[in-house]
Structures are given as structure tokens and as C-alpha cells.
Amino acid sequence: MKSYDNFFLGVDNLEEAQEFYEKILGLELKFKFSEKSMVAFNVGDEEPAIILKEKSVHKDIKPTIWFVVEDVHKECEKLADKGVTFLTEPFSIMTGMAVEFEDPFGNRLGITDYTKQFQK
């Protein structure tokens, strides 16, 4: 694991949540994907964002931490060899690949890579 990527949280109302995170907490909007029912906020100068997902669209959302790895597929093999069970197959996102799993205590984690940013 190289670093944190993003932190995902579920919300009941995306517009109310956006107002809270912007106006009450004072966080800067990083991006808003209305079509995906997601909004992200910067925390200071850190690259990792807090990404809010609307629960009515993302039915299985749980608080989730993603970590950056060099290659999701290779890391999946290593983790699977150590007994990790993934919730899905690796999937494509805008910046690369990602996959999620849970620790033995039910906490949701994920890994992602940035392989797409290096493609021309």
C-alpha cells in the first residue's frame, strides 16, 4: 500500500450533505458527478478526498477507505493468497482499476491504481 486514495461515505440526501460539507465544515468541492450520485471534497492540500455517495443509488455503501497500489491485479493476487475475499472482480474507474473487500471485522477497504493516467 503506497498511500491513501479516498474515503467514501454514504448519505441519505446528496444536496443536504453537500451543503453541510461545504458550508458547515468549510471543505472545498473537488468534483461532483451528478449522474453517479457522488460528490467529493478536498481536505486541505491532501490528494485523498472524502467522496459522498447517495445511499438510494449506491445500495451497499459502507464507510470505505481506498489505498493506492501499483497494480490492482497484482495486489489482488497477493491478497487472495493471504485469504482476502473480494466483493467483486476488479473494475475500471476514471483513473485506473479498483476493487473492494472487507477486513475480518466488516470494515470496507479498497485498492486502486492510477494506470489510466499514464496511458496516452
PDB file of N, CA and C in Angstrom:
ATOM      1  N   MET A   1       0.845  -1.161   0.000  1.00  0.00           N
ATOM      2  CA  MET A   1       0.000   0.000   0.000  1.00  0.00           C
ATOM      3  C   MET A   1       0.901   1.237   0.000  1.00  0.00           C
ATOM      4  N   LYS A   2       0.681   2.105  -0.973  1.00  0.00           N
ATOM      5  CA  LYS A   2       1.539   3.283  -1.123  1.00  0.00           C
ATOM      6  C   LYS A   2       1.042   4.488  -0.341  1.00  0.00           C
ATOM      7  N   SER A   3      -0.269   4.709  -0.342  1.00  0.00           N
ATOM      8  CA  SER A   3      -0.850   5.862   0.340  1.00  0.00           C
ATOM      9  C   SER A   3      -2.359   5.701   0.379  1.00  0.00           C
ATOM     10  N   TYR A   4      -3.017   6.627   1.030  1.00  0.00           N
ATOM     11  CA  TYR A   4      -4.475   6.659   0.979  1.00  0.00           C
ATOM     12  C   TYR A   4      -4.912   7.154  -0.387  1.00  0.00           C
ATOM     13  N   ASP A   5      -6.068   6.713  -0.837  1.00  0.00           N
ATOM     14  CA  ASP A   5      -6.647   7.274  -2.056  1.00  0.00           C
ATOM     15  C   ASP A   5      -7.835   8.140  -1.679  1.00  0.00           C
ATOM     16  N   ASN A   6      -8.948   7.538  -1.326  1.00  0.00           N
ATOM     17  CA  ASN A   6     -10.147   8.297  -0.979  1.00  0.00           C
ATOM     18  C   ASN A   6     -10.872   7.630   0.174  1.00  0.00           C
ATOM     19  N   PHE A   7     -11.761   8.396   0.779  1.00  0.00           N
ATOM     20  CA  PHE A   7     -12.626   7.922   1.852  1.00  0.00           C
ATOM     21  C   PHE A   7     -14.059   8.065   1.357  1.00  0.00           C
ATOM     22  N   PHE A   8     -14.837   7.000   1.396  1.00  0.00           N
ATOM     23  CA  PHE A   8     -16.211   7.009   0.884  1.00  0.00           C
ATOM     24  C   PHE A   8     -17.197   6.931   2.046  1.00  0.00           C
ATOM     25  N   LEU A   9     -18.232   7.776   1.978  1.00  0.00           N
ATOM     26  CA  LEU A   9     -19.280   7.774   2.990  1.00  0.00           C
ATOM     27  C   LEU A   9     -20.635   7.805   2.306  1.00  0.00           C
ATOM     28  N   GLY A  10     -21.601   7.106   2.860  1.00  0.00           N
ATOM     29  CA  GLY A  10     -22.958   7.118   2.336  1.00  0.00           C
ATOM     30  C   GLY A  10     -23.776   8.229   2.974  1.00  0.00           C
ATOM     31  N   VAL A  11     -24.649   8.847   2.191  1.00  0.00           N
ATOM     32  CA  VAL A  11     -25.530   9.904   2.694  1.00  0.00           C
ATOM     33  C   VAL A  11     -26.939   9.661   2.178  1.00  0.00           C
ATOM     34  N   ASP A  12     -27.918  10.135   2.947  1.00  0.00           N
ATOM     35  CA  ASP A  12     -29.320   9.975   2.549  1.00  0.00           C
ATOM     36  C   ASP A  12     -29.768  11.009   1.529  1.00  0.00           C
ATOM     37  N   ASN A  13     -29.165  12.202   1.566  1.00  0.00           N
ATOM     38  CA  ASN A  13     -29.551  13.282   0.659  1.00  0.00           C
ATOM     39  C   ASN A  13     -28.283  13.997   0.219  1.00  0.00           C
ATOM     40  N   LEU A  14     -27.926  13.838  -1.041  1.00  0.00           N
ATOM     41  CA  LEU A  14     -26.657  14.365  -1.553  1.00  0.00           C
ATOM     42  C   LEU A  14     -26.601  15.890  -1.484  1.00  0.00           C
ATOM     43  N   GLU A  15     -27.702  16.567  -1.800  1.00  0.00           N
ATOM     44  CA  GLU A  15     -27.696  18.031  -1.773  1.00  0.00           C
ATOM     45  C   GLU A  15     -27.527  18.564  -0.353  1.00  0.00           C
ATOM     46  N   GLU A  16     -28.229  17.968   0.603  1.00  0.00           N
ATOM     47  CA  GLU A  16     -28.078  18.382   2.004  1.00  0.00           C
ATOM     48  C   GLU A  16     -26.662  18.098   2.488  1.00  0.00           C
ATOM     49  N   ALA A  17     -26.137  16.946   2.112  1.00  0.00           N
ATOM     50  CA  ALA A  17     -24.778  16.578   2.519  1.00  0.00           C
ATOM     51  C   ALA A  17     -23.764  17.544   1.927  1.00  0.00           C
ATOM     52  N   GLN A  18     -23.942  17.899   0.652  1.00  0.00           N
ATOM     53  CA  GLN A  18     -23.016  18.845   0.015  1.00  0.00           C
ATOM     54  C   GLN A  18     -23.037  20.175   0.758  1.00  0.00           C
ATOM     55  N   GLU A  19     -24.211  20.631   1.115  1.00  0.00           N
ATOM     56  CA  GLU A  19     -24.317  21.897   1.845  1.00  0.00           C
ATOM     57  C   GLU A  19     -23.594  21.804   3.193  1.00  0.00           C
ATOM     58  N   PHE A  20     -23.784  20.698   3.914  1.00  0.00           N
ATOM     59  CA  PHE A  20     -23.118  20.518   5.201  1.00  0.00           C
ATOM     60  C   PHE A  20     -21.598  20.537   5.044  1.00  0.00           C
ATOM     61  N   TYR A  21     -21.065  19.731   4.127  1.00  0.00           N
ATOM     62  CA  TYR A  21     -19.617  19.619   3.978  1.00  0.00           C
ATOM     63  C   TYR A  21     -18.992  20.923   3.474  1.00  0.00           C
ATOM     64  N   GLU A  22     -19.711  21.650   2.617  1.00  0.00           N
ATOM     65  CA  GLU A  22     -19.193  22.925   2.117  1.00  0.00           C
ATOM     66  C   GLU A  22     -19.386  24.063   3.116  1.00  0.00           C
ATOM     67  N   LYS A  23     -20.621  24.260   3.554  1.00  0.00           N
ATOM     68  CA  LYS A  23     -20.952  25.450   4.338  1.00  0.00           C
ATOM     69  C   LYS A  23     -20.632  25.300   5.828  1.00  0.00           C
ATOM     70  N   ILE A  24     -20.860  24.134   6.397  1.00  0.00           N
ATOM     71  CA  ILE A  24     -20.615  23.937   7.823  1.00  0.00           C
ATOM     72  C   ILE A  24     -19.164  23.555   8.091  1.00  0.00           C
ATOM     73  N   LEU A  25     -18.671  22.536   7.370  1.00  0.00           N
ATOM     74  CA  LEU A  25     -17.293  22.099   7.582  1.00  0.00           C
ATOM     75  C   LEU A  25     -16.275  22.957   6.834  1.00  0.00           C
ATOM     76  N   GLY A  26     -16.727  23.666   5.806  1.00  0.00           N
ATOM     77  CA  GLY A  26     -15.829  24.548   5.064  1.00  0.00           C
ATOM     78  C   GLY A  26     -14.892  23.827   4.111  1.00  0.00           C
ATOM     79  N   LEU A  27     -15.265  22.619   3.670  1.00  0.00           N
ATOM     80  CA  LEU A  27     -14.413  21.886   2.732  1.00  0.00           C
ATOM     81  C   LEU A  27     -14.662  22.361   1.306  1.00  0.00           C
ATOM     82  N   GLU A  28     -13.625  22.298   0.501  1.00  0.00           N
ATOM     83  CA  GLU A  28     -13.699  22.727  -0.900  1.00  0.00           C
ATOM     84  C   GLU A  28     -14.184  21.585  -1.785  1.00  0.00           C
ATOM     85  N   LEU A  29     -15.142  21.893  -2.653  1.00  0.00           N
ATOM     86  CA  LEU A  29     -15.656  20.910  -3.601  1.00  0.00           C
ATOM     87  C   LEU A  29     -14.536  20.497  -4.555  1.00  0.00           C
ATOM     88  N   LYS A  30     -14.308  19.202  -4.679  1.00  0.00           N
ATOM     89  CA  LYS A  30     -13.286  18.684  -5.600  1.00  0.00           C
ATOM     90  C   LYS A  30     -13.929  18.312  -6.932  1.00  0.00           C
ATOM     91  N   PHE A  31     -15.044  17.563  -6.884  1.00  0.00           N
ATOM     92  CA  PHE A  31     -15.809  17.257  -8.087  1.00  0.00           C
ATOM     93  C   PHE A  31     -17.210  16.838  -7.704  1.00  0.00           C
ATOM     94  N   LYS A  32     -18.106  16.927  -8.667  1.00  0.00           N
ATOM     95  CA  LYS A  32     -19.471  16.463  -8.473  1.00  0.00           C
ATOM     96  C   LYS A  32     -19.871  15.680  -9.711  1.00  0.00           C
ATOM     97  N   PHE A  33     -20.245  14.420  -9.501  1.00  0.00           N
ATOM     98  CA  PHE A  33     -20.738  13.569 -10.577  1.00  0.00           C
ATOM     99  C   PHE A  33     -22.215  13.317 -10.315  1.00  0.00           C
ATOM    100  N   SER A  34     -23.056  14.243 -10.749  1.00  0.00           N
ATOM    101  CA  SER A  34     -24.491  14.120 -10.511  1.00  0.00           C
ATOM    102  C   SER A  34     -25.040  12.830 -11.094  1.00  0.00           C
ATOM    103  N   GLU A  35     -24.551  12.449 -12.283  1.00  0.00           N
ATOM    104  CA  GLU A  35     -25.051  11.238 -12.947  1.00  0.00           C
ATOM    105  C   GLU A  35     -24.704   9.969 -12.181  1.00  0.00           C
ATOM    106  N   LYS A  36     -23.691  10.049 -11.299  1.00  0.00           N
ATOM    107  CA  LYS A  36     -23.292   8.898 -10.489  1.00  0.00           C
ATOM    108  C   LYS A  36     -23.705   9.070  -9.027  1.00  0.00           C
ATOM    109  N   SER A  37     -24.420  10.155  -8.737  1.00  0.00           N
ATOM    110  CA  SER A  37     -24.865  10.460  -7.362  1.00  0.00           C
ATOM    111  C   SER A  37     -23.693  10.470  -6.384  1.00  0.00           C
ATOM    112  N   MET A  38     -22.623  11.200  -6.790  1.00  0.00           N
ATOM    113  CA  MET A  38     -21.420  11.299  -5.972  1.00  0.00           C
ATOM    114  C   MET A  38     -20.916  12.737  -5.974  1.00  0.00           C
ATOM    115  N   VAL A  39     -20.363  13.150  -4.850  1.00  0.00           N
ATOM    116  CA  VAL A  39     -19.723  14.452  -4.730  1.00  0.00           C
ATOM    117  C   VAL A  39     -18.486  14.279  -3.853  1.00  0.00           C
ATOM    118  N   ALA A  40     -17.407  14.989  -4.188  1.00  0.00           N
ATOM    119  CA  ALA A  40     -16.146  14.820  -3.467  1.00  0.00           C
ATOM    120  C   ALA A  40     -15.645  16.158  -2.945  1.00  0.00           C
ATOM    121  N   PHE A  41     -14.951  16.086  -1.815  1.00  0.00           N
ATOM    122  CA  PHE A  41     -14.408  17.275  -1.178  1.00  0.00           C
ATOM    123  C   PHE A  41     -12.944  17.103  -0.862  1.00  0.00           C
ATOM    124  N   ASN A  42     -12.183  18.171  -1.077  1.00  0.00           N
ATOM    125  CA  ASN A  42     -10.787  18.214  -0.670  1.00  0.00           C
ATOM    126  C   ASN A  42     -10.716  18.437   0.831  1.00  0.00           C
ATOM    127  N   VAL A  43      -9.683  17.887   1.432  1.00  0.00           N
ATOM    128  CA  VAL A  43      -9.380  18.164   2.831  1.00  0.00           C
ATOM    129  C   VAL A  43      -7.999  18.798   2.837  1.00  0.00           C
ATOM    130  N   GLY A  44      -7.960  20.107   2.952  1.00  0.00           N
ATOM    131  CA  GLY A  44      -6.685  20.823   2.895  1.00  0.00           C
ATOM    132  C   GLY A  44      -6.001  20.594   1.564  1.00  0.00           C
ATOM    133  N   ASP A  45      -4.692  20.407   1.619  1.00  0.00           N
ATOM    134  CA  ASP A  45      -3.900  20.195   0.406  1.00  0.00           C
ATOM    135  C   ASP A  45      -3.692  18.724   0.085  1.00  0.00           C
ATOM    136  N   GLU A  46      -4.366  17.843   0.818  1.00  0.00           N
ATOM    137  CA  GLU A  46      -4.212  16.408   0.611  1.00  0.00           C
ATOM    138  C   GLU A  46      -4.873  15.970  -0.693  1.00  0.00           C
ATOM    139  N   GLU A  47      -4.270  14.999  -1.374  1.00  0.00           N
ATOM    140  CA  GLU A  47      -4.868  14.453  -2.591  1.00  0.00           C
ATOM    141  C   GLU A  47      -6.097  13.597  -2.296  1.00  0.00           C
ATOM    142  N   PRO A  48      -6.062  12.741  -1.250  1.00  0.00           N
ATOM    143  CA  PRO A  48      -7.258  11.947  -0.961  1.00  0.00           C
ATOM    144  C   PRO A  48      -8.455  12.844  -0.657  1.00  0.00           C
ATOM    145  N   ALA A  49      -9.599  12.426  -1.127  1.00  0.00           N
ATOM    146  CA  ALA A  49     -10.825  13.202  -0.934  1.00  0.00           C
ATOM    147  C   ALA A  49     -11.809  12.405  -0.092  1.00  0.00           C
ATOM    148  N   ILE A  50     -12.782  13.130   0.439  1.00  0.00           N
ATOM    149  CA  ILE A  50     -13.953  12.499   1.027  1.00  0.00           C
ATOM    150  C   ILE A  50     -14.996  12.477  -0.070  1.00  0.00           C
ATOM    151  N   ILE A  51     -15.437  11.296  -0.454  1.00  0.00           N
ATOM    152  CA  ILE A  51     -16.430  11.160  -1.519  1.00  0.00           C
ATOM    153  C   ILE A  51     -17.731  10.673  -0.905  1.00  0.00           C
ATOM    154  N   LEU A  52     -18.783  11.451  -1.105  1.00  0.00           N
ATOM    155  CA  LEU A  52     -20.104  11.110  -0.602  1.00  0.00           C
ATOM    156  C   LEU A  52     -20.891  10.420  -1.702  1.00  0.00           C
ATOM    157  N   LYS A  53     -21.546   9.310  -1.347  1.00  0.00           N
ATOM    158  CA  LYS A  53     -22.360   8.554  -2.301  1.00  0.00           C
ATOM    159  C   LYS A  53     -23.786   8.472  -1.757  1.00  0.00           C
ATOM    160  N   GLU A  54     -24.745   8.774  -2.609  1.00  0.00           N
ATOM    161  CA  GLU A  54     -26.139   8.735  -2.178  1.00  0.00           C
ATOM    162  C   GLU A  54     -26.589   7.283  -2.000  1.00  0.00           C
ATOM    163  N   LYS A  55     -27.108   6.987  -0.799  1.00  0.00           N
ATOM    164  CA  LYS A  55     -27.490   5.620  -0.436  1.00  0.00           C
ATOM    165  C   LYS A  55     -28.606   5.045  -1.314  1.00  0.00           C
ATOM    166  N   SER A  56     -29.492   5.899  -1.811  1.00  0.00           N
ATOM    167  CA  SER A  56     -30.592   5.387  -2.626  1.00  0.00           C
ATOM    168  C   SER A  56     -30.099   4.821  -3.952  1.00  0.00           C
ATOM    169  N   VAL A  57     -28.937   5.258  -4.412  1.00  0.00           N
ATOM    170  CA  VAL A  57     -28.347   4.777  -5.659  1.00  0.00           C
ATOM    171  C   VAL A  57     -27.296   3.701  -5.371  1.00  0.00           C
ATOM    172  N   HIS A  58     -26.463   3.942  -4.389  1.00  0.00           N
ATOM    173  CA  HIS A  58     -25.381   3.023  -4.010  1.00  0.00           C
ATOM    174  C   HIS A  58     -25.849   2.230  -2.791  1.00  0.00           C
ATOM    175  N   LYS A  59     -26.666   1.242  -3.049  1.00  0.00           N
ATOM    176  CA  LYS A  59     -27.381   0.498  -2.005  1.00  0.00           C
ATOM    177  C   LYS A  59     -26.464  -0.177  -0.987  1.00  0.00           C
ATOM    178  N   ASP A  60     -25.280  -0.608  -1.404  1.00  0.00           N
ATOM    179  CA  ASP A  60     -24.404  -1.343  -0.481  1.00  0.00           C
ATOM    180  C   ASP A  60     -23.293  -0.476   0.110  1.00  0.00           C
ATOM    181  N   ILE A  61     -23.433   0.844   0.032  1.00  0.00           N
ATOM    182  CA  ILE A  61     -22.369   1.734   0.518  1.00  0.00           C
ATOM    183  C   ILE A  61     -22.149   1.549   2.023  1.00  0.00           C
ATOM    184  N   LYS A  62     -20.895   1.475   2.382  1.00  0.00           N
ATOM    185  CA  LYS A  62     -20.443   1.464   3.767  1.00  0.00           C
ATOM    186  C   LYS A  62     -19.276   2.439   3.822  1.00  0.00           C
ATOM    187  N   PRO A  63     -18.978   3.004   4.983  1.00  0.00           N
ATOM    188  CA  PRO A  63     -17.754   3.804   5.064  1.00  0.00           C
ATOM    189  C   PRO A  63     -16.579   2.960   4.558  1.00  0.00           C
ATOM    190  N   THR A  64     -15.804   3.515   3.640  1.00  0.00           N
ATOM    191  CA  THR A  64     -14.767   2.757   2.947  1.00  0.00           C
ATOM    192  C   THR A  64     -13.500   3.587   2.809  1.00  0.00           C
ATOM    193  N   ILE A  65     -12.367   2.954   3.002  1.00  0.00           N
ATOM    194  CA  ILE A  65     -11.063   3.582   2.762  1.00  0.00           C
ATOM    195  C   ILE A  65     -10.408   2.849   1.601  1.00  0.00           C
ATOM    196  N   TRP A  66      -9.953   3.604   0.602  1.00  0.00           N
ATOM    197  CA  TRP A  66      -9.190   3.018  -0.502  1.00  0.00           C
ATOM    198  C   TRP A  66      -7.721   3.378  -0.334  1.00  0.00           C
ATOM    199  N   PHE A  67      -6.862   2.442  -0.731  1.00  0.00           N
ATOM    200  CA  PHE A  67      -5.416   2.638  -0.725  1.00  0.00           C
ATOM    201  C   PHE A  67      -4.897   2.574  -2.161  1.00  0.00           C
ATOM    202  N   VAL A  68      -3.838   3.300  -2.421  1.00  0.00           N
ATOM    203  CA  VAL A  68      -3.199   3.286  -3.733  1.00  0.00           C
ATOM    204  C   VAL A  68      -2.174   2.165  -3.773  1.00  0.00           C
ATOM    205  N   VAL A  69      -2.196   1.402  -4.867  1.00  0.00           N
ATOM    206  CA  VAL A  69      -1.207   0.353  -5.117  1.00  0.00           C
ATOM    207  C   VAL A  69      -0.675   0.543  -6.540  1.00  0.00           C
ATOM    208  N   GLU A  70       0.420  -0.119  -6.844  1.00  0.00           N
ATOM    209  CA  GLU A  70       0.989  -0.018  -8.198  1.00  0.00           C
ATOM    210  C   GLU A  70       0.077  -0.638  -9.247  1.00  0.00           C
ATOM    211  N   ASP A  71      -0.444  -1.837  -8.948  1.00  0.00           N
ATOM    212  CA  ASP A  71      -1.228  -2.600  -9.913  1.00  0.00           C
ATOM    213  C   ASP A  71      -2.285  -3.403  -9.163  1.00  0.00           C
ATOM    214  N   VAL A  72      -3.538  -3.061  -9.379  1.00  0.00           N
ATOM    215  CA  VAL A  72      -4.639  -3.715  -8.662  1.00  0.00           C
ATOM    216  C   VAL A  72      -4.635  -5.225  -8.885  1.00  0.00           C
ATOM    217  N   HIS A  73      -4.440  -5.659 -10.113  1.00  0.00           N
ATOM    218  CA  HIS A  73      -4.491  -7.099 -10.400  1.00  0.00           C
ATOM    219  C   HIS A  73      -3.395  -7.865  -9.644  1.00  0.00           C
ATOM    220  N   LYS A  74      -2.188  -7.328  -9.635  1.00  0.00           N
ATOM    221  CA  LYS A  74      -1.089  -7.992  -8.922  1.00  0.00           C
ATOM    222  C   LYS A  74      -1.339  -8.001  -7.414  1.00  0.00           C
ATOM    223  N   GLU A  75      -1.848  -6.878  -6.890  1.00  0.00           N
ATOM    224  CA  GLU A  75      -2.119  -6.801  -5.455  1.00  0.00           C
ATOM    225  C   GLU A  75      -3.259  -7.746  -5.064  1.00  0.00           C
ATOM    226  N   CYS A  76      -4.232  -7.893  -5.953  1.00  0.00           N
ATOM    227  CA  CYS A  76      -5.329  -8.846  -5.708  1.00  0.00           C
ATOM    228  C   CYS A  76      -4.793 -10.262  -5.539  1.00  0.00           C
ATOM    229  N   GLU A  77      -3.875 -10.631  -6.404  1.00  0.00           N
ATOM    230  CA  GLU A  77      -3.285 -11.971  -6.308  1.00  0.00           C
ATOM    231  C   GLU A  77      -2.596 -12.171  -4.961  1.00  0.00           C
ATOM    232  N   LYS A  78      -1.804 -11.169  -4.550  1.00  0.00           N
ATOM    233  CA  LYS A  78      -1.088 -11.264  -3.273  1.00  0.00           C
ATOM    234  C   LYS A  78      -2.068 -11.373  -2.110  1.00  0.00           C
ATOM    235  N   LEU A  79      -3.095 -10.526  -2.115  1.00  0.00           N
ATOM    236  CA  LEU A  79      -4.059 -10.524  -1.020  1.00  0.00           C
ATOM    237  C   LEU A  79      -4.904 -11.807  -1.014  1.00  0.00           C
ATOM    238  N   ALA A  80      -5.276 -12.282  -2.191  1.00  0.00           N
ATOM    239  CA  ALA A  80      -6.052 -13.523  -2.280  1.00  0.00           C
ATOM    240  C   ALA A  80      -5.241 -14.695  -1.723  1.00  0.00           C
ATOM    241  N   ASP A  81      -3.935 -14.709  -2.002  1.00  0.00           N
ATOM    242  CA  ASP A  81      -3.063 -15.755  -1.464  1.00  0.00           C
ATOM    243  C   ASP A  81      -3.017 -15.724   0.061  1.00  0.00           C
ATOM    244  N   LYS A  82      -3.317 -14.562   0.638  1.00  0.00           N
ATOM    245  CA  LYS A  82      -3.332 -14.406   2.100  1.00  0.00           C
ATOM    246  C   LYS A  82      -4.732 -14.560   2.678  1.00  0.00           C
ATOM    247  N   GLY A  83      -5.693 -14.968   1.833  1.00  0.00           N
ATOM    248  CA  GLY A  83      -7.032 -15.252   2.319  1.00  0.00           C
ATOM    249  C   GLY A  83      -8.066 -14.161   2.174  1.00  0.00           C
ATOM    250  N   VAL A  84      -7.713 -13.071   1.514  1.00  0.00           N
ATOM    251  CA  VAL A  84      -8.674 -11.983   1.320  1.00  0.00           C
ATOM    252  C   VAL A  84      -9.685 -12.383   0.256  1.00  0.00           C
ATOM    253  N   THR A  85     -10.963 -12.135   0.537  1.00  0.00           N
ATOM    254  CA  THR A  85     -12.044 -12.375  -0.420  1.00  0.00           C
ATOM    255  C   THR A  85     -12.562 -11.023  -0.892  1.00  0.00           C
ATOM    256  N   PHE A  86     -12.606 -10.832  -2.191  1.00  0.00           N
ATOM    257  CA  PHE A  86     -13.030  -9.558  -2.762  1.00  0.00           C
ATOM    258  C   PHE A  86     -14.535  -9.538  -2.986  1.00  0.00           C
ATOM    259  N   LEU A  87     -15.127  -8.349  -2.879  1.00  0.00           N
ATOM    260  CA  LEU A  87     -16.571  -8.196  -3.037  1.00  0.00           C
ATOM    261  C   LEU A  87     -16.997  -8.312  -4.494  1.00  0.00           C
ATOM    262  N   THR A  88     -16.091  -7.970  -5.413  1.00  0.00           N
ATOM    263  CA  THR A  88     -16.343  -8.057  -6.855  1.00  0.00           C
ATOM    264  C   THR A  88     -15.011  -8.370  -7.531  1.00  0.00           C
ATOM    265  N   GLU A  89     -15.077  -8.512  -8.821  1.00  0.00           N
ATOM    266  CA  GLU A  89     -13.858  -8.534  -9.627  1.00  0.00           C
ATOM    267  C   GLU A  89     -13.333  -7.092  -9.700  1.00  0.00           C
ATOM    268  N   PRO A  90     -12.037  -6.888  -9.980  1.00  0.00           N
ATOM    269  CA  PRO A  90     -11.556  -5.525 -10.183  1.00  0.00           C
ATOM    270  C   PRO A  90     -12.376  -4.828 -11.269  1.00  0.00           C
ATOM    271  N   PHE A  91     -12.631  -3.528 -11.053  1.00  0.00           N
ATOM    272  CA  PHE A  91     -13.444  -2.772 -12.000  1.00  0.00           C
ATOM    273  C   PHE A  91     -12.722  -1.496 -12.405  1.00  0.00           C
ATOM    274  N   SER A  92     -13.089  -1.011 -13.567  1.00  0.00           N
ATOM    275  CA  SER A  92     -12.475   0.179 -14.138  1.00  0.00           C
ATOM    276  C   SER A  92     -13.099   1.439 -13.542  1.00  0.00           C
ATOM    277  N   ILE A  93     -12.239   2.401 -13.208  1.00  0.00           N
ATOM    278  CA  ILE A  93     -12.677   3.732 -12.798  1.00  0.00           C
ATOM    279  C   ILE A  93     -11.952   4.736 -13.682  1.00  0.00           C
ATOM    280  N   MET A  94     -12.214   6.017 -13.494  1.00  0.00           N
ATOM    281  CA  MET A  94     -11.640   7.021 -14.392  1.00  0.00           C
ATOM    282  C   MET A  94     -10.119   7.025 -14.405  1.00  0.00           C
ATOM    283  N   THR A  95      -9.472   6.710 -13.280  1.00  0.00           N
ATOM    284  CA  THR A  95      -8.021   6.813 -13.187  1.00  0.00           C
ATOM    285  C   THR A  95      -7.283   5.485 -13.310  1.00  0.00           C
ATOM    286  N   GLY A  96      -8.007   4.375 -13.273  1.00  0.00           N
ATOM    287  CA  GLY A  96      -7.346   3.068 -13.340  1.00  0.00           C
ATOM    288  C   GLY A  96      -8.301   1.951 -12.999  1.00  0.00           C
ATOM    289  N   MET A  97      -7.860   1.073 -12.106  1.00  0.00           N
ATOM    290  CA  MET A  97      -8.656  -0.069 -11.669  1.00  0.00           C
ATOM    291  C   MET A  97      -8.853   0.018 -10.164  1.00  0.00           C
ATOM    292  N   ALA A  98      -9.913  -0.649  -9.673  1.00  0.00           N
ATOM    293  CA  ALA A  98     -10.181  -0.667  -8.246  1.00  0.00           C
ATOM    294  C   ALA A  98     -10.904  -1.958  -7.887  1.00  0.00           C
ATOM    295  N   VAL A  99     -10.880  -2.293  -6.605  1.00  0.00           N
ATOM    296  CA  VAL A  99     -11.626  -3.433  -6.081  1.00  0.00           C
ATOM    297  C   VAL A  99     -11.766  -3.231  -4.575  1.00  0.00           C
ATOM    298  N   GLU A 100     -12.853  -3.763  -4.018  1.00  0.00           N
ATOM    299  CA  GLU A 100     -13.101  -3.616  -2.590  1.00  0.00           C
ATOM    300  C   GLU A 100     -13.196  -4.972  -1.906  1.00  0.00           C
ATOM    301  N   PHE A 101     -12.941  -4.959  -0.599  1.00  0.00           N
ATOM    302  CA  PHE A 101     -13.013  -6.147   0.240  1.00  0.00           C
ATOM    303  C   PHE A 101     -13.288  -5.687   1.660  1.00  0.00           C
ATOM    304  N   GLU A 102     -13.518  -6.626   2.559  1.00  0.00           N
ATOM    305  CA  GLU A 102     -13.729  -6.272   3.954  1.00  0.00           C
ATOM    306  C   GLU A 102     -12.696  -6.953   4.823  1.00  0.00           C
ATOM    307  N   ASP A 103     -12.316  -6.255   5.890  1.00  0.00           N
ATOM    308  CA  ASP A 103     -11.407  -6.884   6.852  1.00  0.00           C
ATOM    309  C   ASP A 103     -12.210  -7.872   7.697  1.00  0.00           C
ATOM    310  N   PRO A 104     -11.571  -8.637   8.563  1.00  0.00           N
ATOM    311  CA  PRO A 104     -12.296  -9.644   9.352  1.00  0.00           C
ATOM    312  C   PRO A 104     -13.364  -9.059  10.286  1.00  0.00           C
ATOM    313  N   PHE A 105     -13.397  -7.739  10.427  1.00  0.00           N
ATOM    314  CA  PHE A 105     -14.324  -7.084  11.346  1.00  0.00           C
ATOM    315  C   PHE A 105     -15.461  -6.373  10.625  1.00  0.00           C
ATOM    316  N   GLY A 106     -15.527  -6.531   9.280  1.00  0.00           N
ATOM    317  CA  GLY A 106     -16.601  -5.932   8.498  1.00  0.00           C
ATOM    318  C   GLY A 106     -16.322  -4.530   7.998  1.00  0.00           C
ATOM    319  N   ASN A 107     -15.126  -4.007   8.225  1.00  0.00           N
ATOM    320  CA  ASN A 107     -14.771  -2.689   7.705  1.00  0.00           C
ATOM    321  C   ASN A 107     -14.448  -2.804   6.225  1.00  0.00           C
ATOM    322  N   ARG A 108     -14.985  -1.908   5.427  1.00  0.00           N
ATOM    323  CA  ARG A 108     -14.762  -1.957   3.985  1.00  0.00           C
ATOM    324  C   ARG A 108     -13.492  -1.209   3.613  1.00  0.00           C
ATOM    325  N   LEU A 109     -12.670  -1.875   2.803  1.00  0.00           N
ATOM    326  CA  LEU A 109     -11.421  -1.318   2.293  1.00  0.00           C
ATOM    327  C   LEU A 109     -11.381  -1.524   0.790  1.00  0.00           C
ATOM    328  N   GLY A 110     -10.514  -0.808   0.120  1.00  0.00           N
ATOM    329  CA  GLY A 110     -10.354  -0.994  -1.309  1.00  0.00           C
ATOM    330  C   GLY A 110      -8.946  -0.646  -1.731  1.00  0.00           C
ATOM    331  N   ILE A 111      -8.599  -1.103  -2.908  1.00  0.00           N
ATOM    332  CA  ILE A 111      -7.317  -0.732  -3.507  1.00  0.00           C
ATOM    333  C   ILE A 111      -7.591  -0.193  -4.899  1.00  0.00           C
ATOM    334  N   THR A 112      -6.753   0.732  -5.307  1.00  0.00           N
ATOM    335  CA  THR A 112      -6.886   1.335  -6.630  1.00  0.00           C
ATOM    336  C   THR A 112      -5.503   1.640  -7.177  1.00  0.00           C
ATOM    337  N   ASP A 113      -5.421   1.705  -8.480  1.00  0.00           N
ATOM    338  CA  ASP A 113      -4.171   2.128  -9.107  1.00  0.00           C
ATOM    339  C   ASP A 113      -4.470   3.305 -10.029  1.00  0.00           C
ATOM    340  N   TYR A 114      -3.422   3.922 -10.509  1.00  0.00           N
ATOM    341  CA  TYR A 114      -3.567   5.072 -11.395  1.00  0.00           C
ATOM    342  C   TYR A 114      -3.028   4.745 -12.783  1.00  0.00           C
ATOM    343  N   THR A 115      -3.302   3.544 -13.252  1.00  0.00           N
ATOM    344  CA  THR A 115      -2.743   3.096 -14.519  1.00  0.00           C
ATOM    345  C   THR A 115      -3.271   3.874 -15.718  1.00  0.00           C
ATOM    346  N   LYS A 116      -4.463   4.402 -15.665  1.00  0.00           N
ATOM    347  CA  LYS A 116      -5.011   5.136 -16.819  1.00  0.00           C
ATOM    348  C   LYS A 116      -4.368   6.494 -17.013  1.00  0.00           C
ATOM    349  N   GLN A 117      -3.867   7.115 -15.974  1.00  0.00           N
ATOM    350  CA  GLN A 117      -3.304   8.447 -16.121  1.00  0.00           C
ATOM    351  C   GLN A 117      -2.001   8.424 -16.915  1.00  0.00           C
ATOM    352  N   PHE A 118      -1.389   7.236 -17.034  1.00  0.00           N
ATOM    353  CA  PHE A 118      -0.120   7.137 -17.758  1.00  0.00           C
ATOM    354  C   PHE A 118      -0.320   6.677 -19.200  1.00  0.00           C
ATOM    355  N   GLN A 119      -1.565   6.382 -19.566  1.00  0.00           N
ATOM    356  CA  GLN A 119      -1.848   5.944 -20.926  1.00  0.00           C
ATOM    357  C   GLN A 119      -2.094   7.152 -21.812  1.00  0.00           C
ATOM    358  N   LYS A 120      -1.667   7.066 -23.026  1.00  0.00           N
ATOM    359  CA  LYS A 120      -1.894   8.158 -23.991  1.00  0.00           C
ATOM    360  C   LYS A 120      -2.994   7.781 -24.944  1.00  0.00           C
TER     361      LYS A 120
END
